[in-house]
Amino acid sequence: MKGLKEYNISFVGLKEGSHEFQYEIDNKFFEEFQYTEFNEVNISANINFVKKSTLLELFFTINGTINVPCDVTSELFDQEISGDFSLVVKFGPEFNDDNDEILVLPHEEYQINIAQYIYELVVLSAPSKRIHPDVLNGTMESETLKKLKELEINNEKTVEEESTDPRWDKLKDLLTGKNK
């Protein structure tokens, strides 16, 4: 993860108050995490970093697109995603990240790497079921959909299914309590 040094925020030299950081996330970012589920990534990450005397507050906001295959047709499309996340950083005797929203850094720390938080926010903001917009509005033309329509089960009952053996009908009458 040597390529993620640009996501280090050195907070020792910052004045108290609000600071803005902006990052453009692309495929190289996800290659560092060995995550290959997205074909192409174009995301803008904004971090509002608030330094206070005893703690730090980080507000993450992401917006952009990821290129993914459709779960129905396997056609590639750009899925829009957005999300936000807030993190409070406190200082203590040792590192502790057990809580999702509170991070405890040792007193001697002078910087924080936010790459993992951006990565998790992007991955968790992506929908688990990805459906191409043209499938949803019914205008998608693909070989997969044509084959699915060919194999679709017809709900109309045939004449064979409607005519039953009269002996079975008598047994059904016993179940329902009807006697003819």
C-alpha atoms as a PDB file:
ATOM      1  CA  MET A   1       0.000   0.000   0.000  1.00  0.00           C
ATOM      2  CA  LYS A   2       2.894   2.284  -0.776  1.00  0.00           C
ATOM      3  CA  GLY A   3       0.800   4.131  -3.362  1.00  0.00           C
ATOM      4  CA  LEU A   4      -1.629   5.425  -0.734  1.00  0.00           C
ATOM      5  CA  LYS A   5       0.703   7.945   0.930  1.00  0.00           C
ATOM      6  CA  GLU A   6      -1.200  10.817  -0.667  1.00  0.00           C
ATOM      7  CA  TYR A   7      -4.123   9.891   1.625  1.00  0.00           C
ATOM      8  CA  ASN A   8      -2.094  10.705   4.746  1.00  0.00           C
ATOM      9  CA  ILE A   9      -3.364  13.805   6.505  1.00  0.00           C
ATOM     10  CA  SER A  10      -0.782  15.342   8.789  1.00  0.00           C
ATOM     11  CA  PHE A  11      -2.830  17.052  11.481  1.00  0.00           C
ATOM     12  CA  VAL A  12       0.017  18.307  13.710  1.00  0.00           C
ATOM     13  CA  GLY A  13       0.650  21.399  11.581  1.00  0.00           C
ATOM     14  CA  LEU A  14      -3.011  22.248  11.006  1.00  0.00           C
ATOM     15  CA  LYS A  15      -4.731  25.041  12.877  1.00  0.00           C
ATOM     16  CA  GLU A  16      -7.870  24.303  14.848  1.00  0.00           C
ATOM     17  CA  GLY A  17     -10.977  24.580  12.702  1.00  0.00           C
ATOM     18  CA  SER A  18     -12.328  23.168   9.470  1.00  0.00           C
ATOM     19  CA  HIS A  19     -10.130  22.020   6.566  1.00  0.00           C
ATOM     20  CA  GLU A  20     -11.238  20.616   3.196  1.00  0.00           C
ATOM     21  CA  PHE A  21      -9.469  17.796   1.360  1.00  0.00           C
ATOM     22  CA  GLN A  22     -10.495  16.526  -2.064  1.00  0.00           C
ATOM     23  CA  TYR A  23      -9.426  13.326  -3.814  1.00  0.00           C
ATOM     24  CA  GLU A  24     -10.164  11.841  -7.224  1.00  0.00           C
ATOM     25  CA  ILE A  25     -10.513   8.076  -6.927  1.00  0.00           C
ATOM     26  CA  ASP A  26      -9.733   5.868  -9.933  1.00  0.00           C
ATOM     27  CA  ASN A  27      -8.735   2.282 -10.725  1.00  0.00           C
ATOM     28  CA  LYS A  28      -5.203   2.689  -9.320  1.00  0.00           C
ATOM     29  CA  PHE A  29      -6.685   3.321  -5.878  1.00  0.00           C
ATOM     30  CA  PHE A  30      -8.560  -0.006  -5.937  1.00  0.00           C
ATOM     31  CA  GLU A  31      -5.532  -1.855  -7.354  1.00  0.00           C
ATOM     32  CA  GLU A  32      -3.727  -0.997  -4.112  1.00  0.00           C
ATOM     33  CA  PHE A  33      -6.447  -2.894  -2.223  1.00  0.00           C
ATOM     34  CA  GLN A  34      -6.437  -5.703  -4.843  1.00  0.00           C
ATOM     35  CA  TYR A  35     -10.140  -5.097  -5.446  1.00  0.00           C
ATOM     36  CA  THR A  36     -11.165  -5.941  -9.013  1.00  0.00           C
ATOM     37  CA  GLU A  37     -14.963  -5.910  -8.930  1.00  0.00           C
ATOM     38  CA  PHE A  38     -15.175  -2.482 -10.600  1.00  0.00           C
ATOM     39  CA  ASN A  39     -14.066  -2.140 -14.232  1.00  0.00           C
ATOM     40  CA  GLU A  40     -13.619   1.604 -14.127  1.00  0.00           C
ATOM     41  CA  VAL A  41     -13.924   4.070 -11.277  1.00  0.00           C
ATOM     42  CA  ASN A  42     -14.519   7.813 -11.411  1.00  0.00           C
ATOM     43  CA  ILE A  43     -15.304   9.070  -7.915  1.00  0.00           C
ATOM     44  CA  SER A  44     -14.755  12.354  -6.151  1.00  0.00           C
ATOM     45  CA  ALA A  45     -14.145  12.101  -2.399  1.00  0.00           C
ATOM     46  CA  ASN A  46     -14.492  15.195  -0.227  1.00  0.00           C
ATOM     47  CA  ILE A  47     -13.299  15.195   3.343  1.00  0.00           C
ATOM     48  CA  ASN A  48     -14.233  17.928   5.789  1.00  0.00           C
ATOM     49  CA  PHE A  49     -11.561  17.670   8.472  1.00  0.00           C
ATOM     50  CA  VAL A  50     -12.356  19.514  11.704  1.00  0.00           C
ATOM     51  CA  LYS A  51      -9.499  19.833  14.168  1.00  0.00           C
ATOM     52  CA  LYS A  52     -10.451  20.519  17.772  1.00  0.00           C
ATOM     53  CA  SER A  53      -8.243  20.770  20.830  1.00  0.00           C
ATOM     54  CA  THR A  54      -8.817  17.187  22.027  1.00  0.00           C
ATOM     55  CA  LEU A  55     -10.156  15.341  18.990  1.00  0.00           C
ATOM     56  CA  LEU A  56     -10.565  15.313  15.222  1.00  0.00           C
ATOM     57  CA  GLU A  57     -13.786  14.982  13.250  1.00  0.00           C
ATOM     58  CA  LEU A  58     -13.804  13.744   9.663  1.00  0.00           C
ATOM     59  CA  PHE A  59     -16.837  13.904   7.384  1.00  0.00           C
ATOM     60  CA  PHE A  60     -16.452  11.869   4.199  1.00  0.00           C
ATOM     61  CA  THR A  61     -18.656  12.418   1.128  1.00  0.00           C
ATOM     62  CA  ILE A  62     -18.313  10.526  -2.151  1.00  0.00           C
ATOM     63  CA  ASN A  63     -20.014  11.002  -5.519  1.00  0.00           C
ATOM     64  CA  GLY A  64     -19.303   9.448  -8.878  1.00  0.00           C
ATOM     65  CA  THR A  65     -19.675   6.381 -11.037  1.00  0.00           C
ATOM     66  CA  ILE A  66     -18.362   2.848 -11.119  1.00  0.00           C
ATOM     67  CA  ASN A  67     -18.456   0.703 -14.234  1.00  0.00           C
ATOM     68  CA  VAL A  68     -19.881  -2.711 -13.339  1.00  0.00           C
ATOM     69  CA  PRO A  69     -21.612  -5.601 -15.108  1.00  0.00           C
ATOM     70  CA  CYS A  70     -25.395  -5.873 -14.907  1.00  0.00           C
ATOM     71  CA  ASP A  71     -26.554  -8.801 -12.764  1.00  0.00           C
ATOM     72  CA  VAL A  72     -29.304  -9.623 -15.278  1.00  0.00           C
ATOM     73  CA  THR A  73     -27.612  -9.185 -18.657  1.00  0.00           C
ATOM     74  CA  SER A  74     -23.868  -9.008 -17.862  1.00  0.00           C
ATOM     75  CA  GLU A  75     -23.733  -5.801 -19.921  1.00  0.00           C
ATOM     76  CA  LEU A  76     -21.327  -3.190 -18.553  1.00  0.00           C
ATOM     77  CA  PHE A  77     -22.786   0.123 -17.397  1.00  0.00           C
ATOM     78  CA  ASP A  78     -21.908   3.123 -15.232  1.00  0.00           C
ATOM     79  CA  GLN A  79     -23.576   2.846 -11.818  1.00  0.00           C
ATOM     80  CA  GLU A  80     -23.917   6.159  -9.998  1.00  0.00           C
ATOM     81  CA  ILE A  81     -23.030   6.006  -6.332  1.00  0.00           C
ATOM     82  CA  SER A  82     -22.934   8.442  -3.466  1.00  0.00           C
ATOM     83  CA  GLY A  83     -22.435   8.114   0.241  1.00  0.00           C
ATOM     84  CA  ASP A  84     -21.259   9.771   3.400  1.00  0.00           C
ATOM     85  CA  PHE A  85     -19.589   8.740   6.614  1.00  0.00           C
ATOM     86  CA  SER A  86     -18.379  10.494   9.733  1.00  0.00           C
ATOM     87  CA  LEU A  87     -15.457   9.507  11.927  1.00  0.00           C
ATOM     88  CA  VAL A  88     -14.317  10.863  15.278  1.00  0.00           C
ATOM     89  CA  VAL A  89     -10.625  10.507  16.095  1.00  0.00           C
ATOM     90  CA  LYS A  90      -9.641  10.573  19.761  1.00  0.00           C
ATOM     91  CA  PHE A  91      -6.239  10.162  21.341  1.00  0.00           C
ATOM     92  CA  GLY A  92      -5.318   7.508  23.875  1.00  0.00           C
ATOM     93  CA  PRO A  93      -2.525   5.230  25.079  1.00  0.00           C
ATOM     94  CA  GLU A  94      -2.819   2.784  22.144  1.00  0.00           C
ATOM     95  CA  PHE A  95      -4.395   2.343  18.723  1.00  0.00           C
ATOM     96  CA  ASN A  96      -8.011   1.098  18.786  1.00  0.00           C
ATOM     97  CA  ASP A  97     -10.392   0.821  15.833  1.00  0.00           C
ATOM     98  CA  ASP A  98     -12.974  -1.533  17.382  1.00  0.00           C
ATOM     99  CA  ASN A  99     -15.768   1.012  16.937  1.00  0.00           C
ATOM    100  CA  ASP A 100     -16.746   1.890  13.345  1.00  0.00           C
ATOM    101  CA  GLU A 101     -17.292   5.563  14.088  1.00  0.00           C
ATOM    102  CA  ILE A 102     -14.575   6.252  16.691  1.00  0.00           C
ATOM    103  CA  LEU A 103     -10.871   5.752  16.099  1.00  0.00           C
ATOM    104  CA  VAL A 104      -8.364   6.016  18.955  1.00  0.00           C
ATOM    105  CA  LEU A 105      -4.837   6.990  17.926  1.00  0.00           C
ATOM    106  CA  PRO A 106      -1.782   6.920  20.195  1.00  0.00           C
ATOM    107  CA  HIS A 107      -0.814  10.337  21.611  1.00  0.00           C
ATOM    108  CA  GLU A 108       2.449  10.371  19.620  1.00  0.00           C
ATOM    109  CA  GLU A 109       0.694  10.059  16.203  1.00  0.00           C
ATOM    110  CA  TYR A 110       0.968  13.039  13.903  1.00  0.00           C
ATOM    111  CA  GLN A 111      -0.968  11.846  10.829  1.00  0.00           C
ATOM    112  CA  ILE A 112      -3.896   9.669   9.770  1.00  0.00           C
ATOM    113  CA  ASN A 113      -4.286   7.669   6.564  1.00  0.00           C
ATOM    114  CA  ILE A 114      -7.871   7.875   5.311  1.00  0.00           C
ATOM    115  CA  ALA A 115      -7.539   5.530   2.307  1.00  0.00           C
ATOM    116  CA  GLN A 116      -9.160   2.563   4.097  1.00  0.00           C
ATOM    117  CA  TYR A 117     -12.181   4.664   5.055  1.00  0.00           C
ATOM    118  CA  ILE A 118     -12.651   5.932   1.498  1.00  0.00           C
ATOM    119  CA  TYR A 119     -12.292   2.380   0.163  1.00  0.00           C
ATOM    120  CA  GLU A 120     -14.897   0.990   2.554  1.00  0.00           C
ATOM    121  CA  LEU A 121     -17.304   3.869   1.874  1.00  0.00           C
ATOM    122  CA  VAL A 122     -17.129   3.325  -1.896  1.00  0.00           C
ATOM    123  CA  VAL A 123     -17.514  -0.458  -1.684  1.00  0.00           C
ATOM    124  CA  LEU A 124     -20.403  -0.242   0.797  1.00  0.00           C
ATOM    125  CA  SER A 125     -22.134   2.517  -1.208  1.00  0.00           C
ATOM    126  CA  ALA A 126     -22.255   0.349  -4.321  1.00  0.00           C
ATOM    127  CA  PRO A 127     -25.602  -1.478  -4.580  1.00  0.00           C
ATOM    128  CA  SER A 128     -25.496  -5.217  -4.022  1.00  0.00           C
ATOM    129  CA  LYS A 129     -27.883  -5.849  -6.939  1.00  0.00           C
ATOM    130  CA  ARG A 130     -26.734  -4.016 -10.040  1.00  0.00           C
ATOM    131  CA  ILE A 131     -29.304  -3.671 -12.789  1.00  0.00           C
ATOM    132  CA  HIS A 132     -28.692  -1.760 -16.001  1.00  0.00           C
ATOM    133  CA  PRO A 133     -31.062   1.259 -16.295  1.00  0.00           C
ATOM    134  CA  ASP A 134     -32.220   0.058 -19.733  1.00  0.00           C
ATOM    135  CA  VAL A 135     -33.387  -3.214 -18.167  1.00  0.00           C
ATOM    136  CA  LEU A 136     -35.466  -1.275 -15.653  1.00  0.00           C
ATOM    137  CA  ASN A 137     -37.153   0.879 -18.295  1.00  0.00           C
ATOM    138  CA  GLY A 138     -37.574  -2.042 -20.738  1.00  0.00           C
ATOM    139  CA  THR A 139     -35.437  -0.763 -23.605  1.00  0.00           C
ATOM    140  CA  MET A 140     -32.470  -3.117 -23.198  1.00  0.00           C
ATOM    141  CA  GLU A 141     -31.592  -5.212 -26.238  1.00  0.00           C
ATOM    142  CA  SER A 142     -29.162  -8.041 -25.510  1.00  0.00           C
ATOM    143  CA  GLU A 143     -28.643 -11.678 -26.391  1.00  0.00           C
ATOM    144  CA  THR A 144     -29.110 -12.685 -22.745  1.00  0.00           C
ATOM    145  CA  LEU A 145     -32.542 -11.076 -22.482  1.00  0.00           C
ATOM    146  CA  LYS A 146     -33.645 -12.599 -25.801  1.00  0.00           C
ATOM    147  CA  LYS A 147     -32.661 -16.055 -24.559  1.00  0.00           C
ATOM    148  CA  LEU A 148     -34.459 -15.481 -21.231  1.00  0.00           C
ATOM    149  CA  LYS A 149     -37.653 -14.551 -23.102  1.00  0.00           C
ATOM    150  CA  GLU A 150     -37.368 -17.698 -25.215  1.00  0.00           C
ATOM    151  CA  LEU A 151     -37.069 -19.854 -22.106  1.00  0.00           C
ATOM    152  CA  GLU A 152     -39.775 -18.041 -20.153  1.00  0.00           C
ATOM    153  CA  ILE A 153     -42.400 -20.396 -18.710  1.00  0.00           C
ATOM    154  CA  ASN A 154     -45.836 -19.941 -20.203  1.00  0.00           C
ATOM    155  CA  ASN A 155     -48.493 -19.681 -17.469  1.00  0.00           C
ATOM    156  CA  GLU A 156     -51.404 -20.661 -19.693  1.00  0.00           C
ATOM    157  CA  LYS A 157     -52.744 -24.089 -18.786  1.00  0.00           C
ATOM    158  CA  THR A 158     -52.955 -26.643 -21.523  1.00  0.00           C
ATOM    159  CA  VAL A 159     -56.004 -28.826 -22.104  1.00  0.00           C
ATOM    160  CA  GLU A 160     -54.167 -31.786 -20.586  1.00  0.00           C
ATOM    161  CA  GLU A 161     -53.596 -29.998 -17.293  1.00  0.00           C
ATOM    162  CA  GLU A 162     -57.225 -28.908 -17.025  1.00  0.00           C
ATOM    163  CA  SER A 163     -58.723 -32.368 -17.496  1.00  0.00           C
ATOM    164  CA  THR A 164     -58.065 -34.583 -14.495  1.00  0.00           C
ATOM    165  CA  ASP A 165     -58.849 -38.125 -13.614  1.00  0.00           C
ATOM    166  CA  PRO A 166     -62.324 -38.301 -11.955  1.00  0.00           C
ATOM    167  CA  ARG A 167     -60.954 -40.623  -9.259  1.00  0.00           C
ATOM    168  CA  TRP A 168     -58.647 -37.843  -8.097  1.00  0.00           C
ATOM    169  CA  ASP A 169     -61.546 -35.421  -8.070  1.00  0.00           C
ATOM    170  CA  LYS A 170     -63.403 -37.717  -5.636  1.00  0.00           C
ATOM    171  CA  LEU A 171     -60.348 -37.744  -3.352  1.00  0.00           C
ATOM    172  CA  LYS A 172     -60.138 -33.956  -3.504  1.00  0.00           C
ATOM    173  CA  ASP A 173     -63.789 -33.779  -2.461  1.00  0.00           C
ATOM    174  CA  LEU A 174     -62.958 -35.794   0.655  1.00  0.00           C
ATOM    175  CA  LEU A 175     -60.211 -33.302   1.556  1.00  0.00           C
ATOM    176  CA  THR A 176     -62.451 -30.287   1.194  1.00  0.00           C
ATOM    177  CA  GLY A 177     -65.504 -31.922   2.757  1.00  0.00           C
ATOM    178  CA  LYS A 178     -67.667 -31.659  -0.373  1.00  0.00           C
ATOM    179  CA  ASN A 179     -69.778 -34.615  -1.409  1.00  0.00           C
ATOM    180  CA  LYS A 180     -71.581 -34.596  -4.718  1.00  0.00           C
END
